[in-house]
Structure formats: C-alpha cells, structure tokens
Protein backbone atom coordinates (compact mmCIF):
# COMPACT_ATOMS: atom_id res chain seq x y z
CA MET A 1 22.62 -3.24 -38.34
CA LYS A 2 24.59 -1.83 -35.23
CA ARG A 3 28.06 -0.24 -35.39
CA ILE A 4 30.08 -1.53 -32.65
CA VAL A 5 32.84 0.57 -31.16
CA SER A 6 35.21 -0.86 -28.84
CA LEU A 7 36.88 1.33 -26.24
CA VAL A 8 39.61 -0.12 -23.99
CA LEU A 9 40.42 1.69 -20.76
CA ALA A 10 43.96 0.68 -19.44
CA LEU A 11 43.25 1.31 -15.79
CA GLY A 12 45.57 0.11 -13.31
CA LEU A 13 42.57 -1.27 -11.39
CA VAL A 14 40.26 -4.20 -10.52
CA CYS A 15 36.59 -4.04 -10.68
CA VAL A 16 34.26 -6.10 -8.31
CA CYS A 17 30.76 -7.02 -9.16
CA LEU A 18 28.24 -4.33 -8.18
CA ALA A 19 25.83 -6.86 -6.80
CA PRO A 20 25.51 -6.84 -3.04
CA SER A 21 26.30 -10.82 -3.40
CA ALA A 22 30.13 -10.05 -3.76
CA ARG A 23 32.25 -10.25 -1.54
CA ALA A 24 36.13 -10.46 -0.79
CA ALA A 25 38.11 -13.05 0.93
CA ALA A 26 39.17 -12.43 4.62
CA PRO A 27 42.76 -10.69 4.44
CA GLU A 28 45.17 -11.94 6.76
CA GLY A 29 45.68 -10.09 10.05
CA LEU A 30 41.90 -8.85 10.14
CA ASP A 31 41.56 -8.57 13.79
CA VAL A 32 37.41 -8.78 14.26
CA ALA A 33 36.58 -10.45 17.63
CA ALA A 34 32.89 -10.24 17.11
CA PRO A 35 31.77 -13.94 16.04
CA SER A 36 29.44 -12.06 13.61
CA ALA A 37 30.71 -9.18 10.90
CA LEU A 38 30.41 -7.61 7.69
CA LEU A 39 31.90 -4.92 5.78
CA MET A 40 29.79 -3.13 2.92
CA GLU A 41 30.41 -0.24 0.31
CA LYS A 42 27.13 2.04 0.35
CA SER A 43 26.95 3.35 -3.01
CA THR A 44 27.66 -0.44 -4.91
CA GLY A 45 26.51 -2.51 -1.93
CA THR A 46 29.45 -4.64 -2.73
CA VAL A 47 30.53 -6.75 0.56
CA LEU A 48 34.09 -6.39 0.71
CA TRP A 49 34.55 -8.88 3.78
CA GLU A 50 32.30 -11.10 5.74
CA LYS A 51 32.19 -13.31 8.59
CA ASP A 52 29.42 -15.43 9.44
CA ALA A 53 27.04 -12.78 8.48
CA HIS A 54 23.76 -14.55 8.25
CA THR A 55 23.59 -15.97 11.59
CA GLN A 56 20.91 -14.47 13.69
CA TYR A 57 21.40 -12.36 16.99
CA GLU A 58 19.39 -9.84 18.54
CA PRO A 59 20.43 -6.32 17.30
CA ALA A 60 19.58 -4.45 20.43
CA SER A 61 19.19 -0.82 19.64
CA VAL A 62 20.49 -1.41 16.21
CA THR A 63 17.07 -1.72 15.50
CA LYS A 64 16.43 1.87 15.58
CA VAL A 65 18.31 1.84 12.05
CA MET A 66 15.01 0.61 10.82
CA THR A 67 12.80 3.07 13.11
CA LEU A 68 14.80 5.93 11.94
CA LEU A 69 14.83 4.88 8.21
CA LEU A 70 10.82 4.76 8.08
CA VAL A 71 10.67 8.22 9.91
CA MET A 72 13.17 9.69 7.30
CA GLU A 73 10.87 7.71 4.37
CA ALA A 74 7.83 9.73 6.22
CA ILE A 75 9.71 13.09 6.02
CA ASP A 76 10.66 12.75 2.87
CA ALA A 77 7.18 11.86 1.33
CA GLY A 78 5.87 14.68 3.00
CA THR A 79 3.81 13.06 5.32
CA LEU A 80 5.76 13.86 8.39
CA GLY A 81 7.44 17.15 9.38
CA TRP A 82 10.71 18.01 11.23
CA GLU A 83 8.88 20.58 13.44
CA ASP A 84 5.66 18.55 13.59
CA LEU A 85 5.05 18.12 17.61
CA VAL A 86 4.94 14.34 18.95
CA THR A 87 2.81 14.12 22.44
CA ALA A 88 4.51 11.44 24.63
CA SER A 89 2.20 8.35 25.40
CA ALA A 90 2.24 6.86 29.33
CA TYR A 91 3.18 3.82 27.34
CA ALA A 92 6.42 5.49 25.29
CA CYS A 93 7.39 6.87 28.70
CA SER A 94 7.26 3.41 30.48
CA MET A 95 10.06 2.01 27.88
CA GLY A 96 13.21 2.37 30.12
CA GLY A 97 16.68 1.27 29.20
CA SER A 98 18.02 4.19 27.17
CA GLN A 99 15.85 7.40 27.31
CA ILE A 100 15.53 10.82 27.77
CA TRP A 101 12.84 10.35 30.50
CA LEU A 102 9.82 11.99 28.75
CA LYS A 103 6.97 12.91 30.73
CA GLU A 104 3.07 11.83 29.68
CA ASN A 105 1.72 14.38 27.27
CA GLU A 106 5.31 16.01 26.94
CA GLN A 107 5.51 17.34 23.47
CA MET A 108 8.84 17.27 21.23
CA SER A 109 9.52 18.25 17.66
CA VAL A 110 10.26 15.28 15.53
CA SER A 111 13.59 16.79 15.13
CA ASP A 112 14.39 16.49 18.70
CA MET A 113 13.10 13.10 19.20
CA VAL A 114 15.10 11.99 16.07
CA LYS A 115 17.99 13.62 17.42
CA ALA A 116 17.77 11.91 20.68
CA VAL A 117 16.97 8.24 19.10
CA ALA A 118 20.04 8.78 16.82
CA VAL A 119 22.43 10.36 19.30
CA ALA A 120 21.23 8.60 22.91
CA SER A 121 19.12 5.65 21.50
CA ALA A 122 16.28 6.78 23.38
CA ASN A 123 13.62 4.21 23.50
CA ASP A 124 10.93 6.49 24.80
CA CYS A 125 11.42 8.78 21.83
CA ALA A 126 11.41 5.61 19.43
CA VAL A 127 8.09 4.40 20.57
CA ALA A 128 6.71 8.11 20.46
CA LEU A 129 7.54 8.26 16.83
CA ALA A 130 6.28 5.04 16.12
CA GLU A 131 2.89 5.76 17.44
CA HIS A 132 2.80 9.17 16.31
CA LEU A 133 3.51 7.62 12.52
CA ALA A 134 1.20 4.52 12.80
CA GLY A 135 -0.89 4.88 15.78
CA SER A 136 0.47 2.17 17.67
CA GLU A 137 4.01 0.54 18.43
CA GLY A 138 2.38 -2.88 17.08
CA ALA A 139 1.09 -1.10 13.81
CA PHE A 140 4.40 0.62 13.12
CA VAL A 141 6.39 -2.91 13.87
CA GLU A 142 4.31 -4.44 11.20
CA ARG A 143 5.40 -1.64 8.92
CA MET A 144 9.02 -2.53 9.67
CA ASN A 145 8.86 -6.06 9.08
CA GLN A 146 7.33 -5.16 5.64
CA ARG A 147 9.98 -2.93 4.78
CA ALA A 148 12.58 -5.48 5.70
CA ALA A 149 11.20 -8.01 3.58
CA GLN A 150 11.10 -5.45 0.93
CA LEU A 151 14.87 -4.87 1.38
CA GLY A 152 15.73 -8.74 1.15
CA MET A 153 16.12 -9.24 5.11
CA GLU A 154 15.32 -12.66 4.81
CA HIS A 155 16.83 -13.18 8.61
CA THR A 156 15.40 -10.36 10.56
CA VAL A 157 12.23 -10.22 12.68
CA PHE A 158 11.12 -7.29 14.41
CA ARG A 159 9.21 -7.53 17.60
CA ASN A 160 9.31 -3.68 18.76
CA CYS A 161 11.24 -0.25 17.40
CA THR A 162 13.68 -0.08 20.16
CA GLY A 163 15.69 -3.32 20.26
CA LEU A 164 14.51 -3.97 24.06
CA PRO A 165 14.61 -7.69 24.61
CA ALA A 166 11.79 -9.60 22.92
CA GLU A 167 11.08 -13.43 22.10
CA GLY A 168 12.03 -13.94 18.61
CA HIS A 169 13.37 -10.43 18.06
CA VAL A 170 16.22 -11.03 15.52
CA SER A 171 18.53 -10.03 12.69
CA CYS A 172 22.25 -10.40 11.21
CA ALA A 173 24.84 -8.49 10.06
CA TRP A 174 23.82 -8.88 6.52
CA ASP A 175 20.38 -7.79 6.89
CA ILE A 176 21.63 -4.72 9.20
CA ALA A 177 23.82 -3.76 6.46
CA LEU A 178 21.04 -3.76 3.98
CA MET A 179 18.90 -1.48 6.20
CA SER A 180 21.87 0.66 7.15
CA ARG A 181 22.71 1.20 3.26
CA GLU A 182 18.70 2.20 2.54
CA LEU A 183 19.08 4.79 5.43
CA ILE A 184 22.41 6.62 4.36
CA LEU A 185 21.96 5.96 0.70
CA ASN A 186 18.49 7.48 0.29
CA HIS A 187 18.14 9.80 3.31
CA PRO A 188 21.51 11.70 3.48
CA ASP A 189 19.74 13.91 5.87
CA ILE A 190 20.02 11.77 8.58
CA ARG A 191 23.86 12.30 8.87
CA ALA A 192 22.99 15.67 10.48
CA TYR A 193 21.75 14.02 13.76
CA THR A 194 24.32 10.56 13.45
CA THR A 195 27.45 12.73 13.59
CA ILE A 196 26.55 14.78 16.60
CA TRP A 197 28.83 14.05 19.36
CA MET A 198 27.41 16.25 21.95
CA ASP A 199 24.47 18.49 22.17
CA THR A 200 21.34 19.48 24.00
CA LEU A 201 17.54 18.97 24.23
CA ARG A 202 14.82 21.10 26.18
CA ASP A 203 16.37 24.55 25.72
CA GLY A 204 19.55 23.34 26.92
CA GLN A 205 18.55 21.79 30.21
CA PHE A 206 19.02 17.77 29.05
CA GLN A 207 22.72 16.88 27.93
CA LEU A 208 23.10 14.33 25.03
CA SER A 209 25.96 12.37 24.31
CA ASN A 210 26.62 10.04 21.31
CA THR A 211 26.58 6.22 22.32
CA ASN A 212 29.04 5.59 18.96
CA ARG A 213 32.35 6.79 20.36
CA LEU A 214 33.86 6.49 16.74
CA ILE A 215 32.16 9.76 15.94
CA PHE A 216 34.57 11.37 18.38
CA TYR A 217 37.78 9.58 17.26
CA TYR A 218 37.41 8.12 13.71
CA ASP A 219 38.23 10.19 10.85
CA GLY A 220 35.38 10.23 8.71
CA ALA A 221 32.93 9.11 10.72
CA THR A 222 28.94 9.53 10.04
CA GLY A 223 27.26 7.22 12.27
CA LEU A 224 25.31 4.81 12.61
CA LYS A 225 24.17 3.19 15.61
CA THR A 226 25.06 1.23 18.57
CA GLY A 227 23.10 -1.45 20.70
CA SER A 228 23.61 -3.36 23.38
CA THR A 229 22.06 -5.94 26.31
CA ASP A 230 22.76 -8.51 28.21
CA THR A 231 21.74 -11.03 25.55
CA ALA A 232 22.87 -9.26 22.35
CA LEU A 233 25.69 -8.07 23.82
CA TYR A 234 27.91 -5.51 22.11
CA CYS A 235 26.32 -4.58 18.05
CA LEU A 236 27.22 -1.63 16.03
CA SER A 237 26.65 -0.51 12.30
CA ALA A 238 29.29 2.40 11.99
CA THR A 239 29.63 4.17 8.65
CA ALA A 240 32.17 6.23 7.46
CA GLU A 241 33.12 8.37 4.48
CA ARG A 242 36.68 9.27 3.02
CA ASP A 243 37.56 10.58 -0.49
CA GLY A 244 33.89 10.07 -1.76
CA MET A 245 33.51 6.39 -0.58
CA GLU A 246 30.96 5.53 2.54
CA LEU A 247 31.43 2.19 4.11
CA ILE A 248 29.16 0.23 6.43
CA ALA A 249 30.76 -2.00 9.25
CA VAL A 250 28.43 -4.10 10.94
CA VAL A 251 29.50 -5.83 14.20
CA MET A 252 27.15 -8.59 16.06
CA HIS A 253 27.38 -10.16 19.49
CA ALA A 254 30.82 -8.79 20.33
CA PRO A 255 32.02 -9.45 24.09
CA THR A 256 32.82 -6.04 25.02
CA SER A 257 31.89 -2.73 24.09
CA ASN A 258 35.74 -1.81 22.85
CA ASP A 259 35.61 -4.90 21.06
CA ARG A 260 32.66 -3.70 19.14
CA PHE A 261 34.61 -0.47 18.27
CA GLU A 262 37.92 -1.80 17.52
CA SER A 263 36.55 -4.41 15.18
CA ALA A 264 34.41 -1.74 13.47
CA LYS A 265 37.57 0.24 13.19
CA ALA A 266 39.49 -2.57 11.92
CA LEU A 267 36.75 -3.18 9.05
CA LEU A 268 36.91 0.35 8.15
CA ASN A 269 40.33 0.78 7.84
CA TYR A 270 40.94 -2.52 5.63
CA GLY A 271 38.22 -0.83 3.07
CA PHE A 272 39.68 2.32 2.97
CA ALA A 273 43.09 0.95 2.71
CA GLY A 274 42.36 -1.56 -0.03
CA TRP A 275 39.42 -0.14 -1.97
CA ALA A 276 38.45 2.64 -3.96
CA LEU A 277 35.57 3.99 -6.27
CA THR A 278 36.22 4.64 -9.99
CA ALA A 279 34.07 6.50 -12.55
CA VAL A 280 34.06 4.53 -16.06
CA TYR A 281 33.79 6.72 -19.16
CA PRO A 282 34.20 6.07 -22.77
CA ASP A 283 37.83 7.45 -23.68
CA GLN A 284 36.41 9.32 -26.71
CA ALA A 285 33.27 11.26 -27.56
CA LEU A 286 30.30 9.09 -28.68
CA SER A 287 29.50 9.62 -32.27
CA PRO A 288 26.14 11.27 -33.04
CA VAL A 289 23.46 8.75 -34.44
CA PRO A 290 21.95 9.29 -38.02
CA VAL A 291 18.16 10.25 -37.65
CA LEU A 292 16.01 9.11 -40.74
CA LEU A 293 13.27 11.52 -41.45
CA GLY A 294 14.11 13.47 -38.65
CA GLN A 295 14.16 17.35 -38.36
CA GLN A 296 17.49 16.96 -37.16
CA ASP A 297 19.84 14.84 -39.11
CA THR A 298 21.42 13.50 -35.80
CA VAL A 299 20.89 12.95 -32.07
CA GLN A 300 23.29 12.70 -29.38
CA PRO A 301 23.67 9.43 -27.37
CA VAL A 302 24.55 10.02 -23.47
CA PRO A 303 25.14 7.47 -20.89
CA GLN A 304 21.70 6.92 -18.69
CA ARG A 305 23.94 7.20 -15.57
CA GLU A 306 27.07 7.36 -14.50
CA CYS A 307 29.19 4.24 -13.89
CA VAL A 308 30.86 3.93 -10.79
CA ILE A 309 32.73 0.72 -9.78
CA LEU A 310 34.68 -0.20 -6.76
CA ALA A 311 38.09 -0.85 -7.29
CA GLU A 312 40.87 -2.68 -5.45
CA LYS A 313 43.69 -0.85 -5.06
CA GLY A 314 47.14 -1.68 -5.71
CA GLN A 315 46.11 -4.74 -7.99
CA GLU A 316 47.09 -5.06 -11.71
CA GLY A 317 44.24 -5.29 -14.02
CA ALA A 318 42.29 -3.24 -17.05
CA ILE A 319 38.93 -2.65 -17.32
CA THR A 320 37.47 -3.19 -20.90
CA THR A 321 34.41 -1.21 -22.51
CA GLN A 322 32.13 -1.64 -25.42
CA VAL A 323 29.94 0.78 -26.82
CA GLU A 324 27.05 -0.49 -29.07
CA LEU A 325 25.28 2.10 -31.01
CA ALA A 326 22.40 1.80 -33.42
CA GLN A 327 23.62 2.81 -36.95
CA SER A 328 20.58 4.88 -37.46
CA VAL A 329 17.20 5.47 -35.60
CA GLU A 330 13.80 6.74 -37.24
CA ALA A 331 12.20 9.85 -36.31
CA PRO A 332 10.39 11.00 -33.97
CA VAL A 333 12.95 9.95 -31.09
CA GLU A 334 12.04 10.93 -27.88
CA ALA A 335 14.63 12.32 -24.96
CA GLY A 336 15.87 9.53 -23.41
CA GLN A 337 15.26 6.94 -25.71
CA GLN A 338 17.70 4.24 -25.81
CA LEU A 339 20.29 4.48 -28.88
CA GLY A 340 22.73 1.88 -27.72
CA THR A 341 24.68 0.46 -24.44
CA PHE A 342 27.61 0.74 -22.71
CA HIS A 343 29.54 -2.44 -21.45
CA ILE A 344 32.10 -2.67 -19.01
CA PHE A 345 34.03 -5.73 -18.67
CA VAL A 346 36.75 -7.24 -16.35
CA ASN A 347 39.17 -9.92 -17.81
CA GLY A 348 36.07 -10.74 -20.41
CA GLU A 349 33.52 -10.69 -17.65
CA GLN A 350 30.74 -8.18 -18.06
CA ARG A 351 30.18 -6.20 -14.45
CA ASP A 352 27.91 -3.73 -15.72
CA SER A 353 25.76 -2.53 -18.66
CA ILE A 354 24.55 0.97 -18.98
CA PRO A 355 21.64 2.55 -21.72
CA LEU A 356 23.15 4.98 -23.91
CA VAL A 357 20.28 7.09 -24.59
CA ALA A 358 19.06 10.43 -26.68
CA ALA A 359 20.26 13.65 -25.21
CA GLN A 360 17.38 15.88 -26.72
CA GLU A 361 14.32 14.97 -29.16
CA VAL A 362 13.99 14.87 -32.68
CA GLY A 363 10.87 15.36 -34.45
CA ARG A 364 9.79 13.51 -37.64
CA LEU A 365 9.47 15.56 -40.67
CA GLY A 366 5.99 16.18 -41.84
CA VAL A 367 4.69 16.00 -45.70
CA GLY A 368 5.10 19.55 -46.49
CA ASP A 369 8.97 18.94 -45.18
CA LEU A 370 9.34 16.16 -47.43
CA PHE A 371 8.09 17.99 -50.56
CA ARG A 372 10.04 21.08 -50.12
CA GLY A 373 13.21 18.87 -49.21
CA LEU A 374 12.50 17.30 -52.96
CA LEU A 375 12.19 20.33 -54.27
CA ASP A 376 15.35 21.84 -52.96
CA GLN A 377 16.94 18.82 -54.63
CA LEU A 378 15.82 19.07 -57.79
CA PHE A 379 16.73 22.77 -57.90
CA LEU A 380 20.19 21.82 -56.95
CA GLN A 381 20.22 19.14 -59.48
CA GLU A 382 18.87 21.69 -62.30
CA THR A 383 21.39 24.86 -61.31
CA GLY A 384 24.37 22.08 -61.02
C-alpha cells in the first residue's frame, strides 16, 4: 500500500521537457542569417530553437571542441596533467592555418597548448596534444569518432583534430551542440581558457587574441569556439551564461564572419529574454516513513537530486507535483534506498520523476532487542 500526497505548486511558468529532443517553434523576428543554427540550454539539454540543424556542413575549427573535450577528459581522469610538457613533432608544426608557429621539438605545457587552442585556434597545438595523448593524430581521431558516437552525434565524421579541410569531415549544428554541452557541463575548468580575450605565451613574447569576439562585447559570454575555411564558410559554437542559465548557440555555414556573430547574438538574446531555470520542490516537508523492525521508528525521505526545469517567461501556467511514499518500509534500510517518487507534471503530462530516498541508514532490531522490547511492553501493562 502506498500513501499518495498530491502537492500543487502554483507557478506562473510553463515547463518544457528536459529531453534534448524538445524544441520551440521559431519566434517571429529572430534574424539568423546562417542556413543552419540551433540554441540549446546547457543543464537540461533542451533545444529552444533550431533551423535545419541536422544538415551536414564542414565544421572547420569548431572541430576543436571535441579535441578539447578529450583533453579535458584525460586531465580529469588523471592521465594528463596541466603542467605536463608536450613536445611538438615536425608533423604538428606543418599544419598551417591558425597556429602559434611551434618549432620542431619545442616543448610547451598542456596548459599553454590548451590556451593556444581555445583562444587562437592553434592547429599545431591541437595536433601536438593529439599526438601526446594517443601517439598519432590518426589514433586520436579514432577516439574522437568513438566519443562522438557515444554522445549520439549521428551526423558527424571527423577526419582530423583541427577542422582543416578534409574529404568527408562533416558535422551539423545539433551534433556540435551535443559535444559543446558535454564540454561545458562536465568540464567547467575549460572556461578559464575560453573566456580569455587577450593573453601571451612564451614568457610574454607571443601575443594571443581570441578569435571569438563575443568574449569581448557580449555580456555573459563564456566561449566557445569559432571556425572558418573557404568551404565551411563561418561557423561558431557560442556559449554565454546569465542568472545561472548557460546557453549554447551554434551557427553553421554563415556567409560572413559578422553574420555568424550576429546570428549567435540573436539566438542568445532570444534565449535569455524568453527562458529561465526554476528549481521545483514539494511545498511542504516530506513526512517520515515508518520503519518496521527498525532501530529507529522512522526514516526521512529526501529527493535524490534537484529538479530544475526550464520555464518560459511570461506565460501563464501551472506545474503540478505528486509525491508517492511507501506507507512503511522494513528494516534494514540503506542510505539512498528508494522510498518513493516525486513526480512533476505540466498540464497533466509528466515531465520529470525524481526518486525519494532514505537520508540515512536504519539498522534492523536483533532478537535481543525484540525480547527487551517485549519485556518493556509487559512491564508497562502490569504497572498500568
């Protein structure tokens, strides 16, 4: 048997689905010059707007989002250190395009090379990092494609780690948003590099300037990566955060550099003007659950995680919630053991479901405890 407690939160907000497949209709007046674009909210993965987001284009140096993701994963896993020295090979030095003109056998720290990739889109440093991690660029590219598959990037094939033109090297706005989200959601330390406007390398002898000019003039800009070639035209994965909400605006194949920045700006402005993150909680304390044969009479349920929904500003609506708790539970109870479920609905449609779990463990009474309890009851009856 279960006790169902229905809790209604009267909020003037409309929740959107937390799945990455959710999307909003194109708003009137949103000017996006690029043929393909997408706007995603980071924490929920919700797509707020898209335009031909699955069509494949060359991603140019936006490719380096995946390169940086694999580097950050290696750092967080402990297999690579920020101060590890990377030695530039002749092959890495031969890349051309955007670069810091590494010399063969020149050594530079991982931190400085990541800075060069994130700020100046340095192809030579991207390849040097790839070789350091995987032994060769080819082996690293295999890892890139494996990671892309794991992230559900179904329209992406990487041929190199730089984004330099290569036959069959393609991606799409949707896929770029997926890998951008993975990078900024799970590896926030990258922001220390992607937010740099100007800096230096080689003891101040080499100047760096960010290829992403939104870092300079867009309020809340946090990154992420530009890209351009003659065939890819102008691409951008732009990220920005305001009021605790971070957005990802992807622009593909824009005709001019200014078009990509203005398109990303329009997307970000639309997102920040129309949406906000809202935490949802039960509007009253959760009742303790009785414990049968427990060393404690009850155990306190708590939500396993926060419920954060993406809500559209200015729209009337209500979120309804329902708490289901077990009428009782038998000891022993483990900390984190599920005791019920917290459901969140919008207009009767379930949008999230969060386990309610035991805040602490409760041991089971032993035979001796039961016997003493029985004696205590008999004593009370006799003296009563």
